[in-house]
Amino acid sequence: MSFGSVVREKRQALAISLNDFAERLGVSPAYWSRIERDQEKPPRDELIEKAAAILGVRLDDLFIEAERLPPDMRKDMAGVVQAYRRLRAVRRG
C-alpha cells in the first residue's frame, strides 16, 4: 500500500470526511485528495505528524509508509545506519 491509500483507509475507517481532515491539517481538500490518490508525494514532516495524531496511528508507521525516516532519526543518520547494520549482522548469524 502507498502512503496515500493507507491514510485514506484509516481516515475513512474513522468516518472523517476528506474536507474535515484537510481542515484539521490546515491544507486544501484538493491537495490532500491528490496525496490520497498518489498524485502527490507524501507531504512534509509536519503534516505527517499531524495526520498520525488525528488518525491515532504510530508516527513511525506513517513515516515508513512515506518511505522516509522520522525527523529524529535523520538527525542521527550515522547511528541509524550502524544500528541497522548490527541488527542485520546478528540476524545473519
PDB file of N, CA and C in Angstrom:
ATOM      1  N   MET A   1       0.839  -1.195   0.000  1.00  0.00           N
ATOM      2  CA  MET A   1       0.000   0.000   0.000  1.00  0.00           C
ATOM      3  C   MET A   1       0.877   1.248   0.000  1.00  0.00           C
ATOM      4  N   SER A   2       0.344   2.303  -0.526  1.00  0.00           N
ATOM      5  CA  SER A   2       1.060   3.575  -0.571  1.00  0.00           C
ATOM      6  C   SER A   2       0.675   4.440   0.636  1.00  0.00           C
ATOM      7  N   PHE A   3       1.440   5.498   0.834  1.00  0.00           N
ATOM      8  CA  PHE A   3       1.135   6.440   1.914  1.00  0.00           C
ATOM      9  C   PHE A   3      -0.300   6.934   1.781  1.00  0.00           C
ATOM     10  N   GLY A   4      -0.658   7.406   0.599  1.00  0.00           N
ATOM     11  CA  GLY A   4      -1.992   7.966   0.392  1.00  0.00           C
ATOM     12  C   GLY A   4      -3.107   6.984   0.657  1.00  0.00           C
ATOM     13  N   SER A   5      -2.957   5.762   0.178  1.00  0.00           N
ATOM     14  CA  SER A   5      -4.026   4.781   0.373  1.00  0.00           C
ATOM     15  C   SER A   5      -4.139   4.357   1.836  1.00  0.00           C
ATOM     16  N   VAL A   6      -3.019   4.297   2.546  1.00  0.00           N
ATOM     17  CA  VAL A   6      -3.061   3.958   3.977  1.00  0.00           C
ATOM     18  C   VAL A   6      -3.799   5.047   4.746  1.00  0.00           C
ATOM     19  N   VAL A   7      -3.470   6.298   4.467  1.00  0.00           N
ATOM     20  CA  VAL A   7      -4.129   7.407   5.155  1.00  0.00           C
ATOM     21  C   VAL A   7      -5.621   7.426   4.820  1.00  0.00           C
ATOM     22  N   ARG A   8      -5.949   7.252   3.551  1.00  0.00           N
ATOM     23  CA  ARG A   8      -7.362   7.262   3.153  1.00  0.00           C
ATOM     24  C   ARG A   8      -8.132   6.149   3.870  1.00  0.00           C
ATOM     25  N   GLU A   9      -7.556   4.960   3.903  1.00  0.00           N
ATOM     26  CA  GLU A   9      -8.224   3.838   4.569  1.00  0.00           C
ATOM     27  C   GLU A   9      -8.461   4.118   6.054  1.00  0.00           C
ATOM     28  N   LYS A  10      -7.450   4.645   6.737  1.00  0.00           N
ATOM     29  CA  LYS A  10      -7.585   4.959   8.168  1.00  0.00           C
ATOM     30  C   LYS A  10      -8.604   6.072   8.373  1.00  0.00           C
ATOM     31  N   ARG A  11      -8.534   7.097   7.530  1.00  0.00           N
ATOM     32  CA  ARG A  11      -9.455   8.240   7.649  1.00  0.00           C
ATOM     33  C   ARG A  11     -10.899   7.783   7.469  1.00  0.00           C
ATOM     34  N   GLN A  12     -11.123   6.983   6.447  1.00  0.00           N
ATOM     35  CA  GLN A  12     -12.481   6.507   6.184  1.00  0.00           C
ATOM     36  C   GLN A  12     -12.973   5.578   7.289  1.00  0.00           C
ATOM     37  N   ALA A  13     -12.081   4.762   7.838  1.00  0.00           N
ATOM     38  CA  ALA A  13     -12.468   3.865   8.936  1.00  0.00           C
ATOM     39  C   ALA A  13     -12.925   4.655  10.159  1.00  0.00           C
ATOM     40  N   LEU A  14     -12.374   5.860  10.312  1.00  0.00           N
ATOM     41  CA  LEU A  14     -12.767   6.726  11.431  1.00  0.00           C
ATOM     42  C   LEU A  14     -13.936   7.650  11.069  1.00  0.00           C
ATOM     43  N   ALA A  15     -14.445   7.495   9.860  1.00  0.00           N
ATOM     44  CA  ALA A  15     -15.564   8.315   9.368  1.00  0.00           C
ATOM     45  C   ALA A  15     -15.248   9.806   9.401  1.00  0.00           C
ATOM     46  N   ILE A  16     -14.020  10.143   9.021  1.00  0.00           N
ATOM     47  CA  ILE A  16     -13.611  11.549   8.918  1.00  0.00           C
ATOM     48  C   ILE A  16     -13.663  11.908   7.436  1.00  0.00           C
ATOM     49  N   SER A  17     -14.410  12.941   7.120  1.00  0.00           N
ATOM     50  CA  SER A  17     -14.510  13.346   5.715  1.00  0.00           C
ATOM     51  C   SER A  17     -13.186  13.936   5.247  1.00  0.00           C
ATOM     52  N   LEU A  18     -12.978  13.898   3.951  1.00  0.00           N
ATOM     53  CA  LEU A  18     -11.782  14.493   3.368  1.00  0.00           C
ATOM     54  C   LEU A  18     -11.698  15.971   3.711  1.00  0.00           C
ATOM     55  N   ASN A  19     -12.821  16.676   3.616  1.00  0.00           N
ATOM     56  CA  ASN A  19     -12.822  18.112   3.908  1.00  0.00           C
ATOM     57  C   ASN A  19     -12.450  18.385   5.364  1.00  0.00           C
ATOM     58  N   ASP A  20     -13.013  17.615   6.276  1.00  0.00           N
ATOM     59  CA  ASP A  20     -12.708  17.784   7.693  1.00  0.00           C
ATOM     60  C   ASP A  20     -11.246  17.478   7.973  1.00  0.00           C
ATOM     61  N   PHE A  21     -10.742  16.398   7.393  1.00  0.00           N
ATOM     62  CA  PHE A  21      -9.348  16.011   7.613  1.00  0.00           C
ATOM     63  C   PHE A  21      -8.410  17.094   7.103  1.00  0.00           C
ATOM     64  N   ALA A  22      -8.669  17.574   5.892  1.00  0.00           N
ATOM     65  CA  ALA A  22      -7.831  18.624   5.313  1.00  0.00           C
ATOM     66  C   ALA A  22      -7.873  19.888   6.168  1.00  0.00           C
ATOM     67  N   GLU A  23      -9.064  20.220   6.652  1.00  0.00           N
ATOM     68  CA  GLU A  23      -9.192  21.411   7.509  1.00  0.00           C
ATOM     69  C   GLU A  23      -8.357  21.249   8.777  1.00  0.00           C
ATOM     70  N   ARG A  24      -8.414  20.077   9.387  1.00  0.00           N
ATOM     71  CA  ARG A  24      -7.625  19.828  10.602  1.00  0.00           C
ATOM     72  C   ARG A  24      -6.131  19.920  10.329  1.00  0.00           C
ATOM     73  N   LEU A  25      -5.739  19.526   9.114  1.00  0.00           N
ATOM     74  CA  LEU A  25      -4.317  19.603   8.757  1.00  0.00           C
ATOM     75  C   LEU A  25      -3.895  21.008   8.336  1.00  0.00           C
ATOM     76  N   GLY A  26      -4.881  21.825   7.965  1.00  0.00           N
ATOM     77  CA  GLY A  26      -4.562  23.180   7.501  1.00  0.00           C
ATOM     78  C   GLY A  26      -4.135  23.221   6.043  1.00  0.00           C
ATOM     79  N   VAL A  27      -4.680  22.286   5.248  1.00  0.00           N
ATOM     80  CA  VAL A  27      -4.375  22.258   3.818  1.00  0.00           C
ATOM     81  C   VAL A  27      -5.692  22.222   3.046  1.00  0.00           C
ATOM     82  N   SER A  28      -5.600  22.406   1.743  1.00  0.00           N
ATOM     83  CA  SER A  28      -6.820  22.366   0.935  1.00  0.00           C
ATOM     84  C   SER A  28      -7.247  20.916   0.713  1.00  0.00           C
ATOM     85  N   PRO A  29      -8.552  20.687   0.641  1.00  0.00           N
ATOM     86  CA  PRO A  29      -9.037  19.338   0.330  1.00  0.00           C
ATOM     87  C   PRO A  29      -8.507  18.826  -1.009  1.00  0.00           C
ATOM     88  N   ALA A  30      -8.366  19.713  -1.982  1.00  0.00           N
ATOM     89  CA  ALA A  30      -7.860  19.297  -3.294  1.00  0.00           C
ATOM     90  C   ALA A  30      -6.436  18.749  -3.177  1.00  0.00           C
ATOM     91  N   TYR A  31      -5.598  19.440  -2.414  1.00  0.00           N
ATOM     92  CA  TYR A  31      -4.217  18.985  -2.209  1.00  0.00           C
ATOM     93  C   TYR A  31      -4.218  17.629  -1.515  1.00  0.00           C
ATOM     94  N   TRP A  32      -5.004  17.494  -0.436  1.00  0.00           N
ATOM     95  CA  TRP A  32      -4.973  16.244   0.310  1.00  0.00           C
ATOM     96  C   TRP A  32      -5.559  15.099  -0.522  1.00  0.00           C
ATOM     97  N   SER A  33      -6.547  15.401  -1.346  1.00  0.00           N
ATOM     98  CA  SER A  33      -7.108  14.389  -2.228  1.00  0.00           C
ATOM     99  C   SER A  33      -6.037  13.864  -3.183  1.00  0.00           C
ATOM    100  N   ARG A  34      -5.207  14.747  -3.708  1.00  0.00           N
ATOM    101  CA  ARG A  34      -4.123  14.320  -4.608  1.00  0.00           C
ATOM    102  C   ARG A  34      -3.128  13.425  -3.867  1.00  0.00           C
ATOM    103  N   ILE A  35      -2.867  13.729  -2.596  1.00  0.00           N
ATOM    104  CA  ILE A  35      -1.979  12.878  -1.804  1.00  0.00           C
ATOM    105  C   ILE A  35      -2.591  11.492  -1.643  1.00  0.00           C
ATOM    106  N   GLU A  36      -3.843  11.441  -1.260  1.00  0.00           N
ATOM    107  CA  GLU A  36      -4.503  10.154  -1.048  1.00  0.00           C
ATOM    108  C   GLU A  36      -4.615   9.341  -2.335  1.00  0.00           C
ATOM    109  N   ARG A  37      -4.642  10.009  -3.474  1.00  0.00           N
ATOM    110  CA  ARG A  37      -4.719   9.306  -4.758  1.00  0.00           C
ATOM    111  C   ARG A  37      -3.333   9.111  -5.377  1.00  0.00           C
ATOM    112  N   ASP A  38      -2.282   9.398  -4.599  1.00  0.00           N
ATOM    113  CA  ASP A  38      -0.885   9.217  -5.027  1.00  0.00           C
ATOM    114  C   ASP A  38      -0.515  10.043  -6.252  1.00  0.00           C
ATOM    115  N   GLN A  39      -1.149  11.189  -6.375  1.00  0.00           N
ATOM    116  CA  GLN A  39      -0.785  12.117  -7.436  1.00  0.00           C
ATOM    117  C   GLN A  39       0.225  13.149  -6.931  1.00  0.00           C
ATOM    118  N   GLU A  40       0.479  13.122  -5.635  1.00  0.00           N
ATOM    119  CA  GLU A  40       1.488  13.970  -4.986  1.00  0.00           C
ATOM    120  C   GLU A  40       2.344  13.056  -4.126  1.00  0.00           C
ATOM    121  N   LYS A  41       3.571  13.472  -3.911  1.00  0.00           N
ATOM    122  CA  LYS A  41       4.430  12.752  -2.987  1.00  0.00           C
ATOM    123  C   LYS A  41       3.891  12.930  -1.567  1.00  0.00           C
ATOM    124  N   PRO A  42       4.288  12.046  -0.632  1.00  0.00           N
ATOM    125  CA  PRO A  42       3.873  12.268   0.755  1.00  0.00           C
ATOM    126  C   PRO A  42       4.246  13.687   1.195  1.00  0.00           C
ATOM    127  N   PRO A  43       3.445  14.272   2.060  1.00  0.00           N
ATOM    128  CA  PRO A  43       3.646  15.679   2.433  1.00  0.00           C
ATOM    129  C   PRO A  43       4.845  15.874   3.356  1.00  0.00           C
ATOM    130  N   ARG A  44       5.074  17.123   3.705  1.00  0.00           N
ATOM    131  CA  ARG A  44       6.181  17.458   4.612  1.00  0.00           C
ATOM    132  C   ARG A  44       5.956  16.816   5.979  1.00  0.00           C
ATOM    133  N   ASP A  45       7.031  16.716   6.719  1.00  0.00           N
ATOM    134  CA  ASP A  45       7.020  16.017   8.005  1.00  0.00           C
ATOM    135  C   ASP A  45       5.932  16.492   8.952  1.00  0.00           C
ATOM    136  N   GLU A  46       5.719  17.795   9.032  1.00  0.00           N
ATOM    137  CA  GLU A  46       4.741  18.328   9.978  1.00  0.00           C
ATOM    138  C   GLU A  46       3.337  17.812   9.681  1.00  0.00           C
ATOM    139  N   LEU A  47       3.014  17.662   8.401  1.00  0.00           N
ATOM    140  CA  LEU A  47       1.689  17.152   8.042  1.00  0.00           C
ATOM    141  C   LEU A  47       1.571  15.662   8.331  1.00  0.00           C
ATOM    142  N   ILE A  48       2.650  14.929   8.155  1.00  0.00           N
ATOM    143  CA  ILE A  48       2.630  13.505   8.505  1.00  0.00           C
ATOM    144  C   ILE A  48       2.413  13.364  10.007  1.00  0.00           C
ATOM    145  N   GLU A  49       3.076  14.208  10.788  1.00  0.00           N
ATOM    146  CA  GLU A  49       2.915  14.167  12.249  1.00  0.00           C
ATOM    147  C   GLU A  49       1.480  14.495  12.648  1.00  0.00           C
ATOM    148  N   LYS A  50       0.895  15.519  12.040  1.00  0.00           N
ATOM    149  CA  LYS A  50      -0.492  15.887  12.343  1.00  0.00           C
ATOM    150  C   LYS A  50      -1.455  14.769  11.933  1.00  0.00           C
ATOM    151  N   ALA A  51      -1.219  14.194  10.752  1.00  0.00           N
ATOM    152  CA  ALA A  51      -2.088  13.130  10.261  1.00  0.00           C
ATOM    153  C   ALA A  51      -2.048  11.926  11.205  1.00  0.00           C
ATOM    154  N   ALA A  52      -0.863  11.572  11.671  1.00  0.00           N
ATOM    155  CA  ALA A  52      -0.739  10.443  12.607  1.00  0.00           C
ATOM    156  C   ALA A  52      -1.530  10.709  13.878  1.00  0.00           C
ATOM    157  N   ALA A  53      -1.440  11.931  14.384  1.00  0.00           N
ATOM    158  CA  ALA A  53      -2.158  12.283  15.611  1.00  0.00           C
ATOM    159  C   ALA A  53      -3.677  12.216  15.397  1.00  0.00           C
ATOM    160  N   ILE A  54      -4.146  12.752  14.297  1.00  0.00           N
ATOM    161  CA  ILE A  54      -5.582  12.743  14.009  1.00  0.00           C
ATOM    162  C   ILE A  54      -6.090  11.314  13.844  1.00  0.00           C
ATOM    163  N   LEU A  55      -5.309  10.494  13.163  1.00  0.00           N
ATOM    164  CA  LEU A  55      -5.730   9.126  12.871  1.00  0.00           C
ATOM    165  C   LEU A  55      -5.470   8.163  14.030  1.00  0.00           C
ATOM    166  N   GLY A  56      -4.685   8.604  14.996  1.00  0.00           N
ATOM    167  CA  GLY A  56      -4.374   7.741  16.126  1.00  0.00           C
ATOM    168  C   GLY A  56      -3.464   6.583  15.761  1.00  0.00           C
ATOM    169  N   VAL A  57      -2.549   6.825  14.833  1.00  0.00           N
ATOM    170  CA  VAL A  57      -1.600   5.782  14.429  1.00  0.00           C
ATOM    171  C   VAL A  57      -0.197   6.172  14.874  1.00  0.00           C
ATOM    172  N   ARG A  58       0.667   5.161  14.940  1.00  0.00           N
ATOM    173  CA  ARG A  58       2.049   5.429  15.329  1.00  0.00           C
ATOM    174  C   ARG A  58       2.725   6.299  14.275  1.00  0.00           C
ATOM    175  N   LEU A  59       3.426   7.311  14.744  1.00  0.00           N
ATOM    176  CA  LEU A  59       4.126   8.226  13.854  1.00  0.00           C
ATOM    177  C   LEU A  59       5.104   7.470  12.957  1.00  0.00           C
ATOM    178  N   ASP A  60       5.858   6.555  13.541  1.00  0.00           N
ATOM    179  CA  ASP A  60       6.831   5.797  12.747  1.00  0.00           C
ATOM    180  C   ASP A  60       6.162   5.045  11.607  1.00  0.00           C
ATOM    181  N   ASP A  61       4.956   4.524  11.842  1.00  0.00           N
ATOM    182  CA  ASP A  61       4.259   3.773  10.798  1.00  0.00           C
ATOM    183  C   ASP A  61       3.948   4.643   9.588  1.00  0.00           C
ATOM    184  N   LEU A  62       3.530   5.884   9.831  1.00  0.00           N
ATOM    185  CA  LEU A  62       3.252   6.763   8.687  1.00  0.00           C
ATOM    186  C   LEU A  62       4.525   7.182   7.971  1.00  0.00           C
ATOM    187  N   PHE A  63       5.602   7.386   8.716  1.00  0.00           N
ATOM    188  CA  PHE A  63       6.865   7.717   8.047  1.00  0.00           C
ATOM    189  C   PHE A  63       7.354   6.540   7.216  1.00  0.00           C
ATOM    190  N   ILE A  64       7.137   5.317   7.691  1.00  0.00           N
ATOM    191  CA  ILE A  64       7.503   4.143   6.906  1.00  0.00           C
ATOM    192  C   ILE A  64       6.700   4.124   5.610  1.00  0.00           C
ATOM    193  N   GLU A  65       5.395   4.394   5.704  1.00  0.00           N
ATOM    194  CA  GLU A  65       4.563   4.445   4.501  1.00  0.00           C
ATOM    195  C   GLU A  65       5.031   5.544   3.550  1.00  0.00           C
ATOM    196  N   ALA A  66       5.552   6.639   4.100  1.00  0.00           N
ATOM    197  CA  ALA A  66       6.064   7.742   3.280  1.00  0.00           C
ATOM    198  C   ALA A  66       7.457   7.435   2.735  1.00  0.00           C
ATOM    199  N   GLU A  67       8.006   6.290   3.152  1.00  0.00           N
ATOM    200  CA  GLU A  67       9.329   5.838   2.728  1.00  0.00           C
ATOM    201  C   GLU A  67      10.423   6.835   3.094  1.00  0.00           C
ATOM    202  N   ARG A  68      10.339   7.303   4.344  1.00  0.00           N
ATOM    203  CA  ARG A  68      11.410   8.161   4.849  1.00  0.00           C
ATOM    204  C   ARG A  68      11.551   7.979   6.351  1.00  0.00           C
ATOM    205  N   LEU A  69      12.707   8.359   6.843  1.00  0.00           N
ATOM    206  CA  LEU A  69      12.960   8.258   8.277  1.00  0.00           C
ATOM    207  C   LEU A  69      12.281   9.404   9.010  1.00  0.00           C
ATOM    208  N   PRO A  70      11.811   9.157  10.217  1.00  0.00           N
ATOM    209  CA  PRO A  70      11.276  10.254  11.030  1.00  0.00           C
ATOM    210  C   PRO A  70      12.386  11.280  11.300  1.00  0.00           C
ATOM    211  N   PRO A  71      12.004  12.527  11.536  1.00  0.00           N
ATOM    212  CA  PRO A  71      12.996  13.592  11.720  1.00  0.00           C
ATOM    213  C   PRO A  71      14.042  13.297  12.801  1.00  0.00           C
ATOM    214  N   ASP A  72      13.625  12.718  13.928  1.00  0.00           N
ATOM    215  CA  ASP A  72      14.593  12.459  14.984  1.00  0.00           C
ATOM    216  C   ASP A  72      15.650  11.452  14.546  1.00  0.00           C
ATOM    217  N   MET A  73      15.292  10.515  13.702  1.00  0.00           N
ATOM    218  CA  MET A  73      16.257   9.526  13.218  1.00  0.00           C
ATOM    219  C   MET A  73      17.187  10.122  12.162  1.00  0.00           C
ATOM    220  N   ARG A  74      16.680  11.056  11.380  1.00  0.00           N
ATOM    221  CA  ARG A  74      17.526  11.699  10.367  1.00  0.00           C
ATOM    222  C   ARG A  74      18.627  12.525  10.999  1.00  0.00           C
ATOM    223  N   LYS A  75      18.368  13.015  12.217  1.00  0.00           N
ATOM    224  CA  LYS A  75      19.380  13.809  12.919  1.00  0.00           C
ATOM    225  C   LYS A  75      20.584  12.952  13.295  1.00  0.00           C
ATOM    226  N   ASP A  76      20.367  11.643  13.432  1.00  0.00           N
ATOM    227  CA  ASP A  76      21.449  10.723  13.798  1.00  0.00           C
ATOM    228  C   ASP A  76      21.559   9.630  12.745  1.00  0.00           C
ATOM    229  N   MET A  77      21.708  10.041  11.498  1.00  0.00           N
ATOM    230  CA  MET A  77      21.746   9.088  10.395  1.00  0.00           C
ATOM    231  C   MET A  77      22.853   8.052  10.586  1.00  0.00           C
ATOM    232  N   ALA A  78      24.002   8.461  11.051  1.00  0.00           N
ATOM    233  CA  ALA A  78      25.102   7.511  11.261  1.00  0.00           C
ATOM    234  C   ALA A  78      24.710   6.452  12.283  1.00  0.00           C
ATOM    235  N   GLY A  79      24.090   6.853  13.373  1.00  0.00           N
ATOM    236  CA  GLY A  79      23.659   5.904  14.395  1.00  0.00           C
ATOM    237  C   GLY A  79      22.598   4.952  13.877  1.00  0.00           C
ATOM    238  N   VAL A  80      21.685   5.457  13.061  1.00  0.00           N
ATOM    239  CA  VAL A  80      20.629   4.616  12.492  1.00  0.00           C
ATOM    240  C   VAL A  80      21.244   3.567  11.569  1.00  0.00           C
ATOM    241  N   VAL A  81      22.149   3.990  10.706  1.00  0.00           N
ATOM    242  CA  VAL A  81      22.776   3.055   9.775  1.00  0.00           C
ATOM    243  C   VAL A  81      23.586   2.011  10.537  1.00  0.00           C
ATOM    244  N   GLN A  82      24.320   2.438  11.535  1.00  0.00           N
ATOM    245  CA  GLN A  82      25.119   1.491  12.319  1.00  0.00           C
ATOM    246  C   GLN A  82      24.228   0.486  13.053  1.00  0.00           C
ATOM    247  N   ALA A  83      23.139   0.949  13.639  1.00  0.00           N
ATOM    248  CA  ALA A  83      22.222   0.047  14.339  1.00  0.00           C
ATOM    249  C   ALA A  83      21.600  -0.943  13.362  1.00  0.00           C
ATOM    250  N   TYR A  84      21.239  -0.470  12.193  1.00  0.00           N
ATOM    251  CA  TYR A  84      20.668  -1.347  11.170  1.00  0.00           C
ATOM    252  C   TYR A  84      21.678  -2.417  10.752  1.00  0.00           C
ATOM    253  N   ARG A  85      22.907  -1.996  10.514  1.00  0.00           N
ATOM    254  CA  ARG A  85      23.947  -2.946  10.098  1.00  0.00           C
ATOM    255  C   ARG A  85      24.208  -3.987  11.190  1.00  0.00           C
ATOM    256  N   ARG A  86      24.246  -3.562  12.443  1.00  0.00           N
ATOM    257  CA  ARG A  86      24.454  -4.513  13.556  1.00  0.00           C
ATOM    258  C   ARG A  86      23.311  -5.521  13.603  1.00  0.00           C
ATOM    259  N   LEU A  87      22.106  -5.045  13.477  1.00  0.00           N
ATOM    260  CA  LEU A  87      20.942  -5.925  13.508  1.00  0.00           C
ATOM    261  C   LEU A  87      20.987  -6.927  12.362  1.00  0.00           C
ATOM    262  N   ARG A  88      21.316  -6.478  11.181  1.00  0.00           N
ATOM    263  CA  ARG A  88      21.411  -7.376  10.022  1.00  0.00           C
ATOM    264  C   ARG A  88      22.494  -8.431  10.234  1.00  0.00           C
ATOM    265  N   ALA A  89      23.614  -8.037  10.821  1.00  0.00           N
ATOM    266  CA  ALA A  89      24.704  -8.988  11.071  1.00  0.00           C
ATOM    267  C   ALA A  89      24.274 -10.052  12.071  1.00  0.00           C
ATOM    268  N   VAL A  90      23.545  -9.650  13.110  1.00  0.00           N
ATOM    269  CA  VAL A  90      23.062 -10.593  14.121  1.00  0.00           C
ATOM    270  C   VAL A  90      22.071 -11.568  13.498  1.00  0.00           C
ATOM    271  N   ARG A  91      21.201 -11.082  12.656  1.00  0.00           N
ATOM    272  CA  ARG A  91      20.192 -11.946  12.028  1.00  0.00           C
ATOM    273  C   ARG A  91      20.805 -12.951  11.070  1.00  0.00           C
ATOM    274  N   ARG A  92      21.909 -12.556  10.440  1.00  0.00           N
ATOM    275  CA  ARG A  92      22.577 -13.474   9.514  1.00  0.00           C
ATOM    276  C   ARG A  92      23.336 -14.557  10.251  1.00  0.00           C
ATOM    277  N   GLY A  93      23.624 -14.284  11.526  1.00  0.00           N
ATOM    278  CA  GLY A  93      24.255 -15.280  12.376  1.00  0.00           C
ATOM    279  C   GLY A  93      25.711 -15.283  12.244  1.00  0.00           C
TER     280      GLY A  93
END
